[in-house]
Structures are given as structure tokens and as C-alpha cells.
PDB file of N, CA and C in Angstrom:
ATOM      1  N   MET A   1       0.818  -1.187   0.000  1.00  0.00           N
ATOM      2  CA  MET A   1       0.000   0.000   0.000  1.00  0.00           C
ATOM      3  C   MET A   1       0.865   1.256   0.000  1.00  0.00           C
ATOM      4  N   GLY A   2       1.911   1.257   0.796  1.00  0.00           N
ATOM      5  CA  GLY A   2       2.752   2.443   0.890  1.00  0.00           C
ATOM      6  C   GLY A   2       3.868   2.461  -0.140  1.00  0.00           C
ATOM      7  N   SER A   3       3.960   1.406  -0.950  1.00  0.00           N
ATOM      8  CA  SER A   3       5.061   1.356  -1.917  1.00  0.00           C
ATOM      9  C   SER A   3       4.898   2.383  -3.029  1.00  0.00           C
ATOM     10  N   GLU A   4       3.653   2.798  -3.316  1.00  0.00           N
ATOM     11  CA  GLU A   4       3.443   3.819  -4.351  1.00  0.00           C
ATOM     12  C   GLU A   4       4.067   5.135  -3.927  1.00  0.00           C
ATOM     13  N   ILE A   5       4.031   5.401  -2.645  1.00  0.00           N
ATOM     14  CA  ILE A   5       4.565   6.654  -2.122  1.00  0.00           C
ATOM     15  C   ILE A   5       6.085   6.662  -2.215  1.00  0.00           C
ATOM     16  N   VAL A   6       6.707   5.514  -2.126  1.00  0.00           N
ATOM     17  CA  VAL A   6       8.160   5.430  -2.158  1.00  0.00           C
ATOM     18  C   VAL A   6       8.689   5.408  -3.589  1.00  0.00           C
ATOM     19  N   ILE A   7       7.972   4.814  -4.508  1.00  0.00           N
ATOM     20  CA  ILE A   7       8.469   4.631  -5.874  1.00  0.00           C
ATOM     21  C   ILE A   7       8.584   5.953  -6.623  1.00  0.00           C
ATOM     22  N   ILE A   8       7.617   6.851  -6.481  1.00  0.00           N
ATOM     23  CA  ILE A   8       7.625   8.127  -7.211  1.00  0.00           C
ATOM     24  C   ILE A   8       8.858   8.965  -6.853  1.00  0.00           C
ATOM     25  N   PRO A   9       9.204   9.172  -5.576  1.00  0.00           N
ATOM     26  CA  PRO A   9      10.433   9.927  -5.279  1.00  0.00           C
ATOM     27  C   PRO A   9      11.699   9.230  -5.790  1.00  0.00           C
ATOM     28  N   ILE A  10      11.693   7.908  -5.796  1.00  0.00           N
ATOM     29  CA  ILE A  10      12.866   7.189  -6.316  1.00  0.00           C
ATOM     30  C   ILE A  10      13.029   7.452  -7.800  1.00  0.00           C
ATOM     31  N   ILE A  11      11.932   7.439  -8.548  1.00  0.00           N
ATOM     32  CA  ILE A  11      12.008   7.707  -9.988  1.00  0.00           C
ATOM     33  C   ILE A  11      12.528   9.118 -10.233  1.00  0.00           C
ATOM     34  N   PHE A  12      11.971  10.109  -9.530  1.00  0.00           N
ATOM     35  CA  PHE A  12      12.447  11.477  -9.698  1.00  0.00           C
ATOM     36  C   PHE A  12      13.899  11.629  -9.251  1.00  0.00           C
ATOM     37  N   GLY A  13      14.283  10.916  -8.211  1.00  0.00           N
ATOM     38  CA  GLY A  13      15.672  10.958  -7.752  1.00  0.00           C
ATOM     39  C   GLY A  13      16.637  10.390  -8.779  1.00  0.00           C
ATOM     40  N   VAL A  14      16.238   9.314  -9.418  1.00  0.00           N
ATOM     41  CA  VAL A  14      17.091   8.716 -10.450  1.00  0.00           C
ATOM     42  C   VAL A  14      17.234   9.660 -11.637  1.00  0.00           C
ATOM     43  N   ILE A  15      16.135  10.269 -12.063  1.00  0.00           N
ATOM     44  CA  ILE A  15      16.195  11.219 -13.179  1.00  0.00           C
ATOM     45  C   ILE A  15      17.078  12.408 -12.809  1.00  0.00           C
ATOM     46  N   PHE A  16      16.919  12.946 -11.603  1.00  0.00           N
ATOM     47  CA  PHE A  16      17.759  14.050 -11.154  1.00  0.00           C
ATOM     48  C   PHE A  16      19.223  13.624 -11.099  1.00  0.00           C
ATOM     49  N   GLY A  17      19.495  12.425 -10.601  1.00  0.00           N
ATOM     50  CA  GLY A  17      20.866  11.937 -10.509  1.00  0.00           C
ATOM     51  C   GLY A  17      21.530  11.802 -11.870  1.00  0.00           C
ATOM     52  N   ILE A  18      20.788  11.327 -12.852  1.00  0.00           N
ATOM     53  CA  ILE A  18      21.343  11.188 -14.193  1.00  0.00           C
ATOM     54  C   ILE A  18      21.702  12.555 -14.768  1.00  0.00           C
ATOM     55  N   PHE A  19      20.786  13.521 -14.652  1.00  0.00           N
ATOM     56  CA  PHE A  19      21.074  14.863 -15.157  1.00  0.00           C
ATOM     57  C   PHE A  19      22.231  15.506 -14.402  1.00  0.00           C
ATOM     58  N   TYR A  20      22.285  15.321 -13.097  1.00  0.00           N
ATOM     59  CA  TYR A  20      23.364  15.905 -12.308  1.00  0.00           C
ATOM     60  C   TYR A  20      24.713  15.322 -12.719  1.00  0.00           C
ATOM     61  N   LEU A  21      24.781  14.007 -12.861  1.00  0.00           N
ATOM     62  CA  LEU A  21      26.043  13.384 -13.275  1.00  0.00           C
ATOM     63  C   LEU A  21      26.453  13.830 -14.675  1.00  0.00           C
ATOM     64  N   TYR A  22      25.492  13.952 -15.575  1.00  0.00           N
ATOM     65  CA  TYR A  22      25.802  14.390 -16.936  1.00  0.00           C
ATOM     66  C   TYR A  22      26.375  15.804 -16.939  1.00  0.00           C
ATOM     67  N   ILE A  23      25.721  16.708 -16.222  1.00  0.00           N
ATOM     68  CA  ILE A  23      26.156  18.105 -16.221  1.00  0.00           C
ATOM     69  C   ILE A  23      27.477  18.260 -15.486  1.00  0.00           C
ATOM     70  N   SER A  24      27.647  17.596 -14.353  1.00  0.00           N
ATOM     71  CA  SER A  24      28.892  17.752 -13.597  1.00  0.00           C
ATOM     72  C   SER A  24      30.069  17.110 -14.332  1.00  0.00           C
ATOM     73  N   ALA A  25      29.854  15.975 -14.986  1.00  0.00           N
ATOM     74  CA  ALA A  25      30.949  15.345 -15.736  1.00  0.00           C
ATOM     75  C   ALA A  25      31.339  16.204 -16.930  1.00  0.00           C
ATOM     76  N   ARG A  26      30.355  16.786 -17.611  1.00  0.00           N
ATOM     77  CA  ARG A  26      30.649  17.657 -18.752  1.00  0.00           C
ATOM     78  C   ARG A  26      31.420  18.886 -18.283  1.00  0.00           C
ATOM     79  N   ASN A  27      31.018  19.438 -17.149  1.00  0.00           N
ATOM     80  CA  ASN A  27      31.690  20.618 -16.627  1.00  0.00           C
ATOM     81  C   ASN A  27      33.142  20.290 -16.261  1.00  0.00           C
ATOM     82  N   LYS A  28      33.376  19.177 -15.589  1.00  0.00           N
ATOM     83  CA  LYS A  28      34.734  18.786 -15.194  1.00  0.00           C
ATOM     84  C   LYS A  28      35.610  18.534 -16.418  1.00  0.00           C
ATOM     85  N   GLU A  29      35.039  17.910 -17.431  1.00  0.00           N
ATOM     86  CA  GLU A  29      35.793  17.639 -18.653  1.00  0.00           C
ATOM     87  C   GLU A  29      36.194  18.940 -19.335  1.00  0.00           C
ATOM     88  N   ARG A  30      35.293  19.882 -19.404  1.00  0.00           N
ATOM     89  CA  ARG A  30      35.595  21.172 -20.038  1.00  0.00           C
ATOM     90  C   ARG A  30      36.636  21.944 -19.247  1.00  0.00           C
ATOM     91  N   ILE A  31      36.538  21.922 -17.932  1.00  0.00           N
ATOM     92  CA  ILE A  31      37.522  22.620 -17.103  1.00  0.00           C
ATOM     93  C   ILE A  31      38.900  22.002 -17.300  1.00  0.00           C
ATOM     94  N   ALA A  32      38.979  20.673 -17.357  1.00  0.00           N
ATOM     95  CA  ALA A  32      40.268  20.009 -17.552  1.00  0.00           C
ATOM     96  C   ALA A  32      40.865  20.364 -18.911  1.00  0.00           C
ATOM     97  N   LEU A  33      40.038  20.420 -19.953  1.00  0.00           N
ATOM     98  CA  LEU A  33      40.555  20.791 -21.267  1.00  0.00           C
ATOM     99  C   LEU A  33      41.032  22.234 -21.304  1.00  0.00           C
ATOM    100  N   ILE A  34      40.308  23.122 -20.653  1.00  0.00           N
ATOM    101  CA  ILE A  34      40.714  24.527 -20.639  1.00  0.00           C
ATOM    102  C   ILE A  34      41.993  24.707 -19.833  1.00  0.00           C
ATOM    103  N   GLU A  35      42.152  23.941 -18.726  1.00  0.00           N
ATOM    104  CA  GLU A  35      43.377  24.023 -17.934  1.00  0.00           C
ATOM    105  C   GLU A  35      44.593  23.546 -18.718  1.00  0.00           C
ATOM    106  N   LYS A  36      44.385  22.617 -19.634  1.00  0.00           N
ATOM    107  CA  LYS A  36      45.493  22.129 -20.459  1.00  0.00           C
ATOM    108  C   LYS A  36      45.806  23.071 -21.612  1.00  0.00           C
ATOM    109  N   GLY A  37      45.013  24.114 -21.764  1.00  0.00           N
ATOM    110  CA  GLY A  37      45.292  25.100 -22.792  1.00  0.00           C
ATOM    111  C   GLY A  37      44.456  24.968 -24.044  1.00  0.00           C
ATOM    112  N   ALA A  38      43.468  24.115 -24.044  1.00  0.00           N
ATOM    113  CA  ALA A  38      42.612  23.969 -25.218  1.00  0.00           C
ATOM    114  C   ALA A  38      41.696  25.181 -25.317  1.00  0.00           C
ATOM    115  N   ASP A  39      41.402  25.587 -26.530  1.00  0.00           N
ATOM    116  CA  ASP A  39      40.531  26.732 -26.755  1.00  0.00           C
ATOM    117  C   ASP A  39      39.086  26.346 -26.460  1.00  0.00           C
ATOM    118  N   ALA A  40      38.348  27.246 -25.863  1.00  0.00           N
ATOM    119  CA  ALA A  40      36.957  26.970 -25.493  1.00  0.00           C
ATOM    120  C   ALA A  40      36.052  26.845 -26.713  1.00  0.00           C
ATOM    121  N   SER A  41      36.518  27.280 -27.869  1.00  0.00           N
ATOM    122  CA  SER A  41      35.679  27.218 -29.064  1.00  0.00           C
ATOM    123  C   SER A  41      35.485  25.782 -29.563  1.00  0.00           C
ATOM    124  N   ILE A  42      36.272  24.833 -29.069  1.00  0.00           N
ATOM    125  CA  ILE A  42      36.093  23.442 -29.520  1.00  0.00           C
ATOM    126  C   ILE A  42      34.758  22.872 -29.056  1.00  0.00           C
ATOM    127  N   PHE A  43      34.162  23.480 -28.032  1.00  0.00           N
ATOM    128  CA  PHE A  43      32.876  22.997 -27.543  1.00  0.00           C
ATOM    129  C   PHE A  43      31.721  23.431 -28.433  1.00  0.00           C
ATOM    130  N   TYR A  44      31.961  24.438 -29.261  1.00  0.00           N
ATOM    131  CA  TYR A  44      30.890  25.000 -30.077  1.00  0.00           C
ATOM    132  C   TYR A  44      31.241  25.000 -31.557  1.00  0.00           C
ATOM    133  N   SER A  45      32.068  24.074 -31.998  1.00  0.00           N
ATOM    134  CA  SER A  45      32.472  24.081 -33.402  1.00  0.00           C
ATOM    135  C   SER A  45      31.294  23.702 -34.295  1.00  0.00           C
ATOM    136  N   LYS A  46      31.129  24.419 -35.377  1.00  0.00           N
ATOM    137  CA  LYS A  46      30.025  24.193 -36.304  1.00  0.00           C
ATOM    138  C   LYS A  46      30.483  23.487 -37.578  1.00  0.00           C
ATOM    139  N   ASP A  47      31.786  23.289 -37.739  1.00  0.00           N
ATOM    140  CA  ASP A  47      32.274  22.699 -38.985  1.00  0.00           C
ATOM    141  C   ASP A  47      32.054  21.192 -39.058  1.00  0.00           C
ATOM    142  N   ARG A  48      31.864  20.542 -37.938  1.00  0.00           N
ATOM    143  CA  ARG A  48      31.654  19.100 -37.926  1.00  0.00           C
ATOM    144  C   ARG A  48      30.179  18.792 -38.169  1.00  0.00           C
ATOM    145  N   ARG A  49      29.893  18.054 -39.218  1.00  0.00           N
ATOM    146  CA  ARG A  49      28.502  17.715 -39.534  1.00  0.00           C
ATOM    147  C   ARG A  49      28.112  16.422 -38.829  1.00  0.00           C
ATOM    148  N   VAL A  50      27.030  16.479 -38.117  1.00  0.00           N
ATOM    149  CA  VAL A  50      26.533  15.321 -37.369  1.00  0.00           C
ATOM    150  C   VAL A  50      25.060  15.133 -37.729  1.00  0.00           C
ATOM    151  N   THR A  51      24.654  13.884 -37.822  1.00  0.00           N
ATOM    152  CA  THR A  51      23.246  13.595 -38.077  1.00  0.00           C
ATOM    153  C   THR A  51      22.405  14.087 -36.904  1.00  0.00           C
ATOM    154  N   PRO A  52      21.308  14.779 -37.166  1.00  0.00           N
ATOM    155  CA  PRO A  52      20.461  15.248 -36.060  1.00  0.00           C
ATOM    156  C   PRO A  52      19.947  14.085 -35.218  1.00  0.00           C
ATOM    157  N   VAL A  53      19.834  14.325 -33.924  1.00  0.00           N
ATOM    158  CA  VAL A  53      19.431  13.285 -32.983  1.00  0.00           C
ATOM    159  C   VAL A  53      18.024  12.782 -33.298  1.00  0.00           C
ATOM    160  N   TRP A  54      17.138  13.675 -33.707  1.00  0.00           N
ATOM    161  CA  TRP A  54      15.761  13.261 -33.951  1.00  0.00           C
ATOM    162  C   TRP A  54      15.676  12.249 -35.082  1.00  0.00           C
ATOM    163  N   LYS A  55      16.565  12.354 -36.082  1.00  0.00           N
ATOM    164  CA  LYS A  55      16.547  11.373 -37.169  1.00  0.00           C
ATOM    165  C   LYS A  55      16.956   9.989 -36.660  1.00  0.00           C
ATOM    166  N   VAL A  56      17.964   9.951 -35.821  1.00  0.00           N
ATOM    167  CA  VAL A  56      18.434   8.676 -35.274  1.00  0.00           C
ATOM    168  C   VAL A  56      17.356   8.058 -34.393  1.00  0.00           C
ATOM    169  N   VAL A  57      16.692   8.874 -33.565  1.00  0.00           N
ATOM    170  CA  VAL A  57      15.643   8.366 -32.677  1.00  0.00           C
ATOM    171  C   VAL A  57      14.469   7.831 -33.495  1.00  0.00           C
ATOM    172  N   VAL A  58      14.064   8.573 -34.532  1.00  0.00           N
ATOM    173  CA  VAL A  58      12.929   8.140 -35.350  1.00  0.00           C
ATOM    174  C   VAL A  58      13.252   6.840 -36.077  1.00  0.00           C
ATOM    175  N   ILE A  59      14.444   6.738 -36.639  1.00  0.00           N
ATOM    176  CA  ILE A  59      14.822   5.520 -37.362  1.00  0.00           C
ATOM    177  C   ILE A  59      14.871   4.326 -36.418  1.00  0.00           C
ATOM    178  N   ASN A  60      15.508   4.498 -35.256  1.00  0.00           N
ATOM    179  CA  ASN A  60      15.608   3.382 -34.311  1.00  0.00           C
ATOM    180  C   ASN A  60      14.245   2.991 -33.753  1.00  0.00           C
ATOM    181  N   LEU A  61      13.399   3.967 -33.464  1.00  0.00           N
ATOM    182  CA  LEU A  61      12.059   3.660 -32.966  1.00  0.00           C
ATOM    183  C   LEU A  61      11.228   2.948 -34.022  1.00  0.00           C
ATOM    184  N   ALA A  62      11.325   3.413 -35.269  1.00  0.00           N
ATOM    185  CA  ALA A  62      10.572   2.770 -36.350  1.00  0.00           C
ATOM    186  C   ALA A  62      11.025   1.330 -36.543  1.00  0.00           C
ATOM    187  N   LEU A  63      12.326   1.106 -36.555  1.00  0.00           N
ATOM    188  CA  LEU A  63      12.817  -0.264 -36.744  1.00  0.00           C
ATOM    189  C   LEU A  63      12.497  -1.144 -35.537  1.00  0.00           C
ATOM    190  N   LEU A  64      12.494  -0.580 -34.339  1.00  0.00           N
ATOM    191  CA  LEU A  64      12.107  -1.351 -33.155  1.00  0.00           C
ATOM    192  C   LEU A  64      10.649  -1.775 -33.241  1.00  0.00           C
ATOM    193  N   LEU A  65       9.767  -0.837 -33.592  1.00  0.00           N
ATOM    194  CA  LEU A  65       8.347  -1.168 -33.681  1.00  0.00           C
ATOM    195  C   LEU A  65       8.073  -2.148 -34.819  1.00  0.00           C
ATOM    196  N   MET A  66       8.791  -1.996 -35.933  1.00  0.00           N
ATOM    197  CA  MET A  66       8.635  -2.965 -37.021  1.00  0.00           C
ATOM    198  C   MET A  66       9.102  -4.347 -36.583  1.00  0.00           C
ATOM    199  N   GLY A  67      10.195  -4.399 -35.822  1.00  0.00           N
ATOM    200  CA  GLY A  67      10.680  -5.681 -35.311  1.00  0.00           C
ATOM    201  C   GLY A  67       9.689  -6.323 -34.364  1.00  0.00           C
ATOM    202  N   ILE A  68       9.067  -5.529 -33.507  1.00  0.00           N
ATOM    203  CA  ILE A  68       8.057  -6.061 -32.587  1.00  0.00           C
ATOM    204  C   ILE A  68       6.855  -6.592 -33.369  1.00  0.00           C
ATOM    205  N   GLY A  69       6.418  -5.841 -34.378  1.00  0.00           N
ATOM    206  CA  GLY A  69       5.292  -6.295 -35.205  1.00  0.00           C
ATOM    207  C   GLY A  69       5.594  -7.589 -35.930  1.00  0.00           C
ATOM    208  N   ILE A  70       6.779  -7.682 -36.511  1.00  0.00           N
ATOM    209  CA  ILE A  70       7.163  -8.924 -37.202  1.00  0.00           C
ATOM    210  C   ILE A  70       7.290 -10.056 -36.194  1.00  0.00           C
ATOM    211  N   GLY A  71       7.772  -9.751 -34.983  1.00  0.00           N
ATOM    212  CA  GLY A  71       7.877 -10.773 -33.943  1.00  0.00           C
ATOM    213  C   GLY A  71       6.522 -11.311 -33.521  1.00  0.00           C
ATOM    214  N   ILE A  72       5.540 -10.438 -33.401  1.00  0.00           N
ATOM    215  CA  ILE A  72       4.179 -10.883 -33.070  1.00  0.00           C
ATOM    216  C   ILE A  72       3.635 -11.771 -34.180  1.00  0.00           C
ATOM    217  N   PHE A  73       3.846 -11.345 -35.417  1.00  0.00           N
ATOM    218  CA  PHE A  73       3.369 -12.136 -36.551  1.00  0.00           C
ATOM    219  C   PHE A  73       4.051 -13.506 -36.595  1.00  0.00           C
ATOM    220  N   LEU A  74       5.364 -13.533 -36.441  1.00  0.00           N
ATOM    221  CA  LEU A  74       6.070 -14.821 -36.481  1.00  0.00           C
ATOM    222  C   LEU A  74       5.711 -15.699 -35.284  1.00  0.00           C
ATOM    223  N   GLY A  75       5.516 -15.081 -34.106  1.00  0.00           N
ATOM    224  CA  GLY A  75       5.115 -15.856 -32.931  1.00  0.00           C
ATOM    225  C   GLY A  75       3.768 -16.517 -33.128  1.00  0.00           C
ATOM    226  N   ALA A  76       2.810 -15.781 -33.705  1.00  0.00           N
ATOM    227  CA  ALA A  76       1.504 -16.370 -33.993  1.00  0.00           C
ATOM    228  C   ALA A  76       1.623 -17.458 -35.049  1.00  0.00           C
ATOM    229  N   LEU A  77       2.483 -17.223 -36.024  1.00  0.00           N
ATOM    230  CA  LEU A  77       2.703 -18.223 -37.072  1.00  0.00           C
ATOM    231  C   LEU A  77       3.308 -19.501 -36.491  1.00  0.00           C
ATOM    232  N   PHE A  78       4.305 -19.338 -35.623  1.00  0.00           N
ATOM    233  CA  PHE A  78       4.932 -20.510 -35.006  1.00  0.00           C
ATOM    234  C   PHE A  78       3.944 -21.281 -34.134  1.00  0.00           C
ATOM    235  N   SER A  79       3.112 -20.564 -33.394  1.00  0.00           N
ATOM    236  CA  SER A  79       2.208 -21.269 -32.490  1.00  0.00           C
ATOM    237  C   SER A  79       1.051 -21.929 -33.236  1.00  0.00           C
ATOM    238  N   ASP A  80       0.566 -21.310 -34.308  1.00  0.00           N
ATOM    239  CA  ASP A  80      -0.571 -21.878 -35.037  1.00  0.00           C
ATOM    240  C   ASP A  80      -0.155 -22.931 -36.047  1.00  0.00           C
ATOM    241  N   VAL A  81       0.820 -22.619 -36.874  1.00  0.00           N
ATOM    242  CA  VAL A  81       1.193 -23.520 -37.970  1.00  0.00           C
ATOM    243  C   VAL A  81       2.113 -24.633 -37.487  1.00  0.00           C
ATOM    244  N   LEU A  82       3.134 -24.272 -36.727  1.00  0.00           N
ATOM    245  CA  LEU A  82       4.105 -25.283 -36.291  1.00  0.00           C
ATOM    246  C   LEU A  82       3.721 -25.971 -34.992  1.00  0.00           C
ATOM    247  N   GLY A  83       2.709 -25.439 -34.300  1.00  0.00           N
ATOM    248  CA  GLY A  83       2.233 -26.084 -33.085  1.00  0.00           C
ATOM    249  C   GLY A  83       3.108 -25.851 -31.873  1.00  0.00           C
ATOM    250  N   MET A  84       3.944 -24.810 -31.898  1.00  0.00           N
ATOM    251  CA  MET A  84       4.777 -24.507 -30.729  1.00  0.00           C
ATOM    252  C   MET A  84       3.902 -23.972 -29.600  1.00  0.00           C
ATOM    253  N   ASP A  85       4.399 -24.107 -28.388  1.00  0.00           N
ATOM    254  CA  ASP A  85       3.695 -23.559 -27.234  1.00  0.00           C
ATOM    255  C   ASP A  85       3.687 -22.032 -27.344  1.00  0.00           C
ATOM    256  N   GLU A  86       2.524 -21.420 -27.218  1.00  0.00           N
ATOM    257  CA  GLU A  86       2.399 -19.969 -27.400  1.00  0.00           C
ATOM    258  C   GLU A  86       3.165 -19.187 -26.337  1.00  0.00           C
ATOM    259  N   ASP A  87       3.286 -19.763 -25.136  1.00  0.00           N
ATOM    260  CA  ASP A  87       4.020 -19.093 -24.065  1.00  0.00           C
ATOM    261  C   ASP A  87       5.511 -18.985 -24.371  1.00  0.00           C
ATOM    262  N   ILE A  88       6.003 -19.812 -25.253  1.00  0.00           N
ATOM    263  CA  ILE A  88       7.414 -19.771 -25.640  1.00  0.00           C
ATOM    264  C   ILE A  88       7.591 -19.026 -26.951  1.00  0.00           C
ATOM    265  N   ALA A  89       6.709 -19.266 -27.903  1.00  0.00           N
ATOM    266  CA  ALA A  89       6.866 -18.706 -29.240  1.00  0.00           C
ATOM    267  C   ALA A  89       6.704 -17.186 -29.246  1.00  0.00           C
ATOM    268  N   MET A  90       5.705 -16.652 -28.572  1.00  0.00           N
ATOM    269  CA  MET A  90       5.430 -15.219 -28.638  1.00  0.00           C
ATOM    270  C   MET A  90       6.539 -14.367 -28.021  1.00  0.00           C
ATOM    271  N   PRO A  91       6.903 -14.565 -26.748  1.00  0.00           N
ATOM    272  CA  PRO A  91       7.959 -13.701 -26.192  1.00  0.00           C
ATOM    273  C   PRO A  91       9.304 -13.907 -26.879  1.00  0.00           C
ATOM    274  N   GLY A  92       9.595 -15.136 -27.249  1.00  0.00           N
ATOM    275  CA  GLY A  92      10.876 -15.405 -27.894  1.00  0.00           C
ATOM    276  C   GLY A  92      11.036 -14.684 -29.219  1.00  0.00           C
ATOM    277  N   THR A  93      10.031 -14.790 -30.073  1.00  0.00           N
ATOM    278  CA  THR A  93      10.143 -14.137 -31.379  1.00  0.00           C
ATOM    279  C   THR A  93      10.007 -12.618 -31.262  1.00  0.00           C
ATOM    280  N   ILE A  94       9.184 -12.128 -30.332  1.00  0.00           N
ATOM    281  CA  ILE A  94       9.055 -10.678 -30.165  1.00  0.00           C
ATOM    282  C   ILE A  94      10.385 -10.087 -29.717  1.00  0.00           C
ATOM    283  N   LEU A  95      10.993 -10.664 -28.708  1.00  0.00           N
ATOM    284  CA  LEU A  95      12.263 -10.134 -28.220  1.00  0.00           C
ATOM    285  C   LEU A  95      13.377 -10.290 -29.248  1.00  0.00           C
ATOM    286  N   PHE A  96      13.400 -11.420 -29.956  1.00  0.00           N
ATOM    287  CA  PHE A  96      14.428 -11.630 -30.968  1.00  0.00           C
ATOM    288  C   PHE A  96      14.308 -10.620 -32.100  1.00  0.00           C
ATOM    289  N   MET A  97      13.106 -10.423 -32.593  1.00  0.00           N
ATOM    290  CA  MET A  97      12.921  -9.495 -33.710  1.00  0.00           C
ATOM    291  C   MET A  97      13.088  -8.034 -33.263  1.00  0.00           C
ATOM    292  N   ALA A  98      12.730  -7.709 -32.022  1.00  0.00           N
ATOM    293  CA  ALA A  98      12.981  -6.355 -31.519  1.00  0.00           C
ATOM    294  C   ALA A  98      14.485  -6.101 -31.439  1.00  0.00           C
ATOM    295  N   GLY A  99      15.243  -7.083 -30.984  1.00  0.00           N
ATOM    296  CA  GLY A  99      16.702  -6.955 -30.954  1.00  0.00           C
ATOM    297  C   GLY A  99      17.286  -6.840 -32.344  1.00  0.00           C
ATOM    298  N   ALA A 100      16.751  -7.605 -33.283  1.00  0.00           N
ATOM    299  CA  ALA A 100      17.223  -7.505 -34.670  1.00  0.00           C
ATOM    300  C   ALA A 100      16.907  -6.125 -35.244  1.00  0.00           C
ATOM    301  N   GLY A 101      15.753  -5.573 -34.906  1.00  0.00           N
ATOM    302  CA  GLY A 101      15.401  -4.228 -35.356  1.00  0.00           C
ATOM    303  C   GLY A 101      16.330  -3.172 -34.778  1.00  0.00           C
ATOM    304  N   LEU A 102      16.666  -3.297 -33.495  1.00  0.00           N
ATOM    305  CA  LEU A 102      17.593  -2.352 -32.875  1.00  0.00           C
ATOM    306  C   LEU A 102      18.996  -2.485 -33.463  1.00  0.00           C
ATOM    307  N   LEU A 103      19.430  -3.699 -33.738  1.00  0.00           N
ATOM    308  CA  LEU A 103      20.735  -3.902 -34.362  1.00  0.00           C
ATOM    309  C   LEU A 103      20.765  -3.299 -35.765  1.00  0.00           C
ATOM    310  N   THR A 104      19.695  -3.480 -36.511  1.00  0.00           N
ATOM    311  CA  THR A 104      19.592  -2.861 -37.833  1.00  0.00           C
ATOM    312  C   THR A 104      19.601  -1.346 -37.706  1.00  0.00           C
ATOM    313  N   GLY A 105      18.899  -0.811 -36.719  1.00  0.00           N
ATOM    314  CA  GLY A 105      18.885   0.628 -36.480  1.00  0.00           C
ATOM    315  C   GLY A 105      20.266   1.168 -36.147  1.00  0.00           C
ATOM    316  N   PHE A 106      21.052   0.388 -35.416  1.00  0.00           N
ATOM    317  CA  PHE A 106      22.422   0.803 -35.101  1.00  0.00           C
ATOM    318  C   PHE A 106      23.238   0.947 -36.376  1.00  0.00           C
ATOM    319  N   PHE A 107      23.152  -0.036 -37.258  1.00  0.00           N
ATOM    320  CA  PHE A 107      23.936   0.029 -38.483  1.00  0.00           C
ATOM    321  C   PHE A 107      23.440   1.120 -39.424  1.00  0.00           C
ATOM    322  N   VAL A 108      22.136   1.351 -39.466  1.00  0.00           N
ATOM    323  CA  VAL A 108      21.594   2.431 -40.304  1.00  0.00           C
ATOM    324  C   VAL A 108      22.037   3.782 -39.750  1.00  0.00           C
ATOM    325  N   SER A 109      22.002   3.955 -38.426  1.00  0.00           N
ATOM    326  CA  SER A 109      22.445   5.207 -37.814  1.00  0.00           C
ATOM    327  C   SER A 109      23.930   5.430 -38.034  1.00  0.00           C
ATOM    328  N   LYS A 110      24.696   4.367 -37.957  1.00  0.00           N
ATOM    329  CA  LYS A 110      26.136   4.459 -38.204  1.00  0.00           C
ATOM    330  C   LYS A 110      26.405   4.906 -39.636  1.00  0.00           C
ATOM    331  N   LYS A 111      25.637   4.372 -40.581  1.00  0.00           N
ATOM    332  CA  LYS A 111      25.783   4.761 -41.985  1.00  0.00           C
ATOM    333  C   LYS A 111      25.376   6.213 -42.180  1.00  0.00           C
ATOM    334  N   LEU A 112      24.315   6.671 -41.499  1.00  0.00           N
ATOM    335  CA  LEU A 112      23.905   8.068 -41.584  1.00  0.00           C
ATOM    336  C   LEU A 112      25.003   9.013 -41.081  1.00  0.00           C
ATOM    337  N   ASN A 113      25.676   8.632 -39.992  1.00  0.00           N
ATOM    338  CA  ASN A 113      26.742   9.478 -39.446  1.00  0.00           C
ATOM    339  C   ASN A 113      27.943   9.506 -40.383  1.00  0.00           C
ATOM    340  N   GLU A 114      28.206   8.416 -41.085  1.00  0.00           N
ATOM    341  CA  GLU A 114      29.326   8.410 -42.018  1.00  0.00           C
ATOM    342  C   GLU A 114      29.026   9.264 -43.227  1.00  0.00           C
ATOM    343  N   ASP A 115      27.766   9.273 -43.674  1.00  0.00           N
ATOM    344  CA  ASP A 115      27.390  10.055 -44.849  1.00  0.00           C
ATOM    345  C   ASP A 115      27.314  11.543 -44.546  1.00  0.00           C
ATOM    346  N   ALA A 116      27.011  11.892 -43.292  1.00  0.00           N
ATOM    347  CA  ALA A 116      26.838  13.320 -42.938  1.00  0.00           C
ATOM    348  C   ALA A 116      28.140  14.070 -42.947  1.00  0.00           C
TER     349      ALA A 116
END
């Protein structure tokens, strides 16, 4: 009953901790580079072309959802046509095809970064 009250602050604490570690690590890294004599303009260079983050997220999400859909279809096919146990066929093929979709998304994103 009281676990709902504890879980919400833990979730917010984890999110805050991740942002805090990200910002403090970035700050320490920049200070160390500046102390070594590196120019501060390296943090804001515009000459390096990088694929926008939203394109990578959309491609990976699309391939993940396509993998899940194909996994559901193959799981139903395995259980109906081949007679496999549905409790094994469905999660196995869904997770396998979702992983294959994410792996494909990694290689597509890598190719996008090379082309940019």
C-alpha cells in the first residue's frame, strides 16, 4: 500500500541523478581541457557535420516497432502452424525481432553518421 509513495520519489531521484552526473561530468571535462590550454571554441564548433538526434531516434524507434510487429506475426505463425507452445513462441520471437530491429537501427544510424 505504501510502496506507491516510495516509488515516485525514487524515480524522480534517479532522473535528477542522471542529469546531475551528466552536467557535472561535462563541466569537469571542459575545465580540464581549458586548464590544459585547449581553446573553449572546440565545444561550439560548427564545422563538424553530425546527423540530427531526432533522425536517429525516429529511425531506431521505427525499426524497433517494425521488429516487434514482425515478432508478433512470427510468434503467432509458429504457435498456429508449427504447433509450438504460445508461451514460448510469442515472447521469444518478439524479443528476438525487436533486438534484430535495434541492431539494424544501429547500423543504419552508423551509416547516416558516415554520410553526414
